[in-house]
Amino acid sequence: MQAKHFFSGAALYVNGEICASWSPGGLAFKLPEKEVESLIGSGRAIPLKYFPKGHIKKGYALFENPDESEPSRWKRYFVAAARQV
């Protein structure tokens, strides 16, 4: 694993691929597609875009206010994201 700073955030890499990122927009995780669809469909997450007019990053769920939920939930997502790549 490796962490790198970018723009106004940071990204977590596993095997050279981003699996999680933190930015002013929130905390994003690369997760299995069905889980991403479920999280976005339920309103718990939103699609990840790096720029307002940019394309949606497939396979990522963005949580806009991660500090408002249980820390164990984020740990599970970090582990799942690391395994995803």
C-alpha atoms as a PDB file:
ATOM      1  CA  MET A   1       0.000   0.000   0.000  1.00  0.00           C
ATOM      2  CA  GLN A   2       1.067   3.526  -0.696  1.00  0.00           C
ATOM      3  CA  ALA A   3      -0.549   6.877   0.026  1.00  0.00           C
ATOM      4  CA  LYS A   4      -0.025   9.886  -2.249  1.00  0.00           C
ATOM      5  CA  HIS A   5      -1.220  13.463  -2.002  1.00  0.00           C
ATOM      6  CA  PHE A   6      -2.994  14.964  -5.028  1.00  0.00           C
ATOM      7  CA  PHE A   7      -4.661  18.321  -5.623  1.00  0.00           C
ATOM      8  CA  SER A   8      -6.361  18.985  -2.284  1.00  0.00           C
ATOM      9  CA  GLY A   9      -6.663  15.369  -1.173  1.00  0.00           C
ATOM     10  CA  ALA A  10      -4.910  12.041  -0.940  1.00  0.00           C
ATOM     11  CA  ALA A  11      -5.218   8.616  -2.510  1.00  0.00           C
ATOM     12  CA  LEU A  12      -4.480   5.110  -1.291  1.00  0.00           C
ATOM     13  CA  TYR A  13      -2.852   2.822  -3.843  1.00  0.00           C
ATOM     14  CA  VAL A  14      -2.568  -0.961  -3.833  1.00  0.00           C
ATOM     15  CA  ASN A  15      -0.499  -2.629  -6.557  1.00  0.00           C
ATOM     16  CA  GLY A  16      -0.181   0.747  -8.297  1.00  0.00           C
ATOM     17  CA  GLU A  17      -3.948   1.345  -8.539  1.00  0.00           C
ATOM     18  CA  ILE A  18      -6.097   3.779  -6.576  1.00  0.00           C
ATOM     19  CA  CYS A  19      -8.528   2.009  -4.278  1.00  0.00           C
ATOM     20  CA  ALA A  20      -9.605   4.908  -2.040  1.00  0.00           C
ATOM     21  CA  SER A  21      -9.369   8.679  -2.068  1.00  0.00           C
ATOM     22  CA  TRP A  22     -10.061  11.566   0.296  1.00  0.00           C
ATOM     23  CA  SER A  23     -10.864  15.031  -1.020  1.00  0.00           C
ATOM     24  CA  PRO A  24     -12.990  18.034  -0.091  1.00  0.00           C
ATOM     25  CA  GLY A  25     -15.823  16.167  -1.842  1.00  0.00           C
ATOM     26  CA  GLY A  26     -15.641  13.240   0.582  1.00  0.00           C
ATOM     27  CA  LEU A  27     -14.244   9.746   0.902  1.00  0.00           C
ATOM     28  CA  ALA A  28     -14.389   7.449  -2.142  1.00  0.00           C
ATOM     29  CA  PHE A  29     -13.820   3.702  -2.370  1.00  0.00           C
ATOM     30  CA  LYS A  30     -13.376   1.329  -5.298  1.00  0.00           C
ATOM     31  CA  LEU A  31     -15.867  -1.434  -4.554  1.00  0.00           C
ATOM     32  CA  PRO A  32     -17.566  -4.282  -6.408  1.00  0.00           C
ATOM     33  CA  GLU A  33     -19.912  -2.818  -9.036  1.00  0.00           C
ATOM     34  CA  LYS A  34     -23.071  -4.296  -7.503  1.00  0.00           C
ATOM     35  CA  GLU A  35     -22.212  -2.795  -4.112  1.00  0.00           C
ATOM     36  CA  VAL A  36     -21.522   0.601  -5.711  1.00  0.00           C
ATOM     37  CA  GLU A  37     -24.873   0.479  -7.511  1.00  0.00           C
ATOM     38  CA  SER A  38     -26.632  -0.454  -4.274  1.00  0.00           C
ATOM     39  CA  LEU A  39     -24.952   2.317  -2.255  1.00  0.00           C
ATOM     40  CA  ILE A  40     -25.722   4.945  -4.896  1.00  0.00           C
ATOM     41  CA  GLY A  41     -29.246   3.635  -5.499  1.00  0.00           C
ATOM     42  CA  SER A  42     -30.033   3.787  -1.772  1.00  0.00           C
ATOM     43  CA  GLY A  43     -28.710   7.346  -1.501  1.00  0.00           C
ATOM     44  CA  ARG A  44     -25.948   6.412   0.959  1.00  0.00           C
ATOM     45  CA  ALA A  45     -23.274   7.348  -1.609  1.00  0.00           C
ATOM     46  CA  ILE A  46     -23.027   9.329  -4.837  1.00  0.00           C
ATOM     47  CA  PRO A  47     -21.073   8.700  -8.058  1.00  0.00           C
ATOM     48  CA  LEU A  48     -17.446   9.868  -8.014  1.00  0.00           C
ATOM     49  CA  LYS A  49     -16.446  12.688 -10.358  1.00  0.00           C
ATOM     50  CA  TYR A  50     -13.116  14.476 -10.010  1.00  0.00           C
ATOM     51  CA  PHE A  51     -14.484  17.607 -11.670  1.00  0.00           C
ATOM     52  CA  PRO A  52     -18.097  18.892 -11.825  1.00  0.00           C
ATOM     53  CA  LYS A  53     -18.317  18.367 -15.591  1.00  0.00           C
ATOM     54  CA  GLY A  54     -16.051  15.298 -15.580  1.00  0.00           C
ATOM     55  CA  HIS A  55     -17.065  11.731 -16.279  1.00  0.00           C
ATOM     56  CA  ILE A  56     -18.233   9.357 -13.552  1.00  0.00           C
ATOM     57  CA  LYS A  57     -15.508   7.020 -12.300  1.00  0.00           C
ATOM     58  CA  LYS A  58     -17.041   3.578 -12.627  1.00  0.00           C
ATOM     59  CA  GLY A  59     -16.701   1.257  -9.674  1.00  0.00           C
ATOM     60  CA  TYR A  60     -16.390   4.028  -7.082  1.00  0.00           C
ATOM     61  CA  ALA A  61     -18.782   5.155  -4.369  1.00  0.00           C
ATOM     62  CA  LEU A  62     -18.306   8.625  -2.852  1.00  0.00           C
ATOM     63  CA  PHE A  63     -19.437   9.370   0.681  1.00  0.00           C
ATOM     64  CA  GLU A  64     -19.838  13.112   1.108  1.00  0.00           C
ATOM     65  CA  ASN A  65     -19.867  13.211   4.925  1.00  0.00           C
ATOM     66  CA  PRO A  66     -17.914  10.185   6.162  1.00  0.00           C
ATOM     67  CA  ASP A  67     -17.261  11.622   9.601  1.00  0.00           C
ATOM     68  CA  GLU A  68     -20.958  11.304  10.443  1.00  0.00           C
ATOM     69  CA  SER A  69     -21.016   7.503  10.407  1.00  0.00           C
ATOM     70  CA  GLU A  70     -19.484   4.592  12.284  1.00  0.00           C
ATOM     71  CA  PRO A  71     -15.689   4.205  11.918  1.00  0.00           C
ATOM     72  CA  SER A  72     -16.038   0.406  11.589  1.00  0.00           C
ATOM     73  CA  ARG A  73     -18.003   0.954   8.384  1.00  0.00           C
ATOM     74  CA  TRP A  74     -15.090   2.873   6.818  1.00  0.00           C
ATOM     75  CA  LYS A  75     -12.616   0.184   7.893  1.00  0.00           C
ATOM     76  CA  ARG A  76     -14.717  -2.431   6.095  1.00  0.00           C
ATOM     77  CA  TYR A  77     -14.775  -0.292   2.940  1.00  0.00           C
ATOM     78  CA  PHE A  78     -11.009   0.299   3.081  1.00  0.00           C
ATOM     79  CA  VAL A  79     -10.385  -3.449   3.310  1.00  0.00           C
ATOM     80  CA  ALA A  80     -12.877  -4.212   0.515  1.00  0.00           C
ATOM     81  CA  ALA A  81     -11.348  -1.482  -1.693  1.00  0.00           C
ATOM     82  CA  ALA A  82      -7.822  -2.804  -1.164  1.00  0.00           C
ATOM     83  CA  ARG A  83      -8.987  -6.293  -2.165  1.00  0.00           C
ATOM     84  CA  GLN A  84     -10.864  -4.930  -5.191  1.00  0.00           C
ATOM     85  CA  VAL A  85      -7.674  -3.853  -6.958  1.00  0.00           C
END
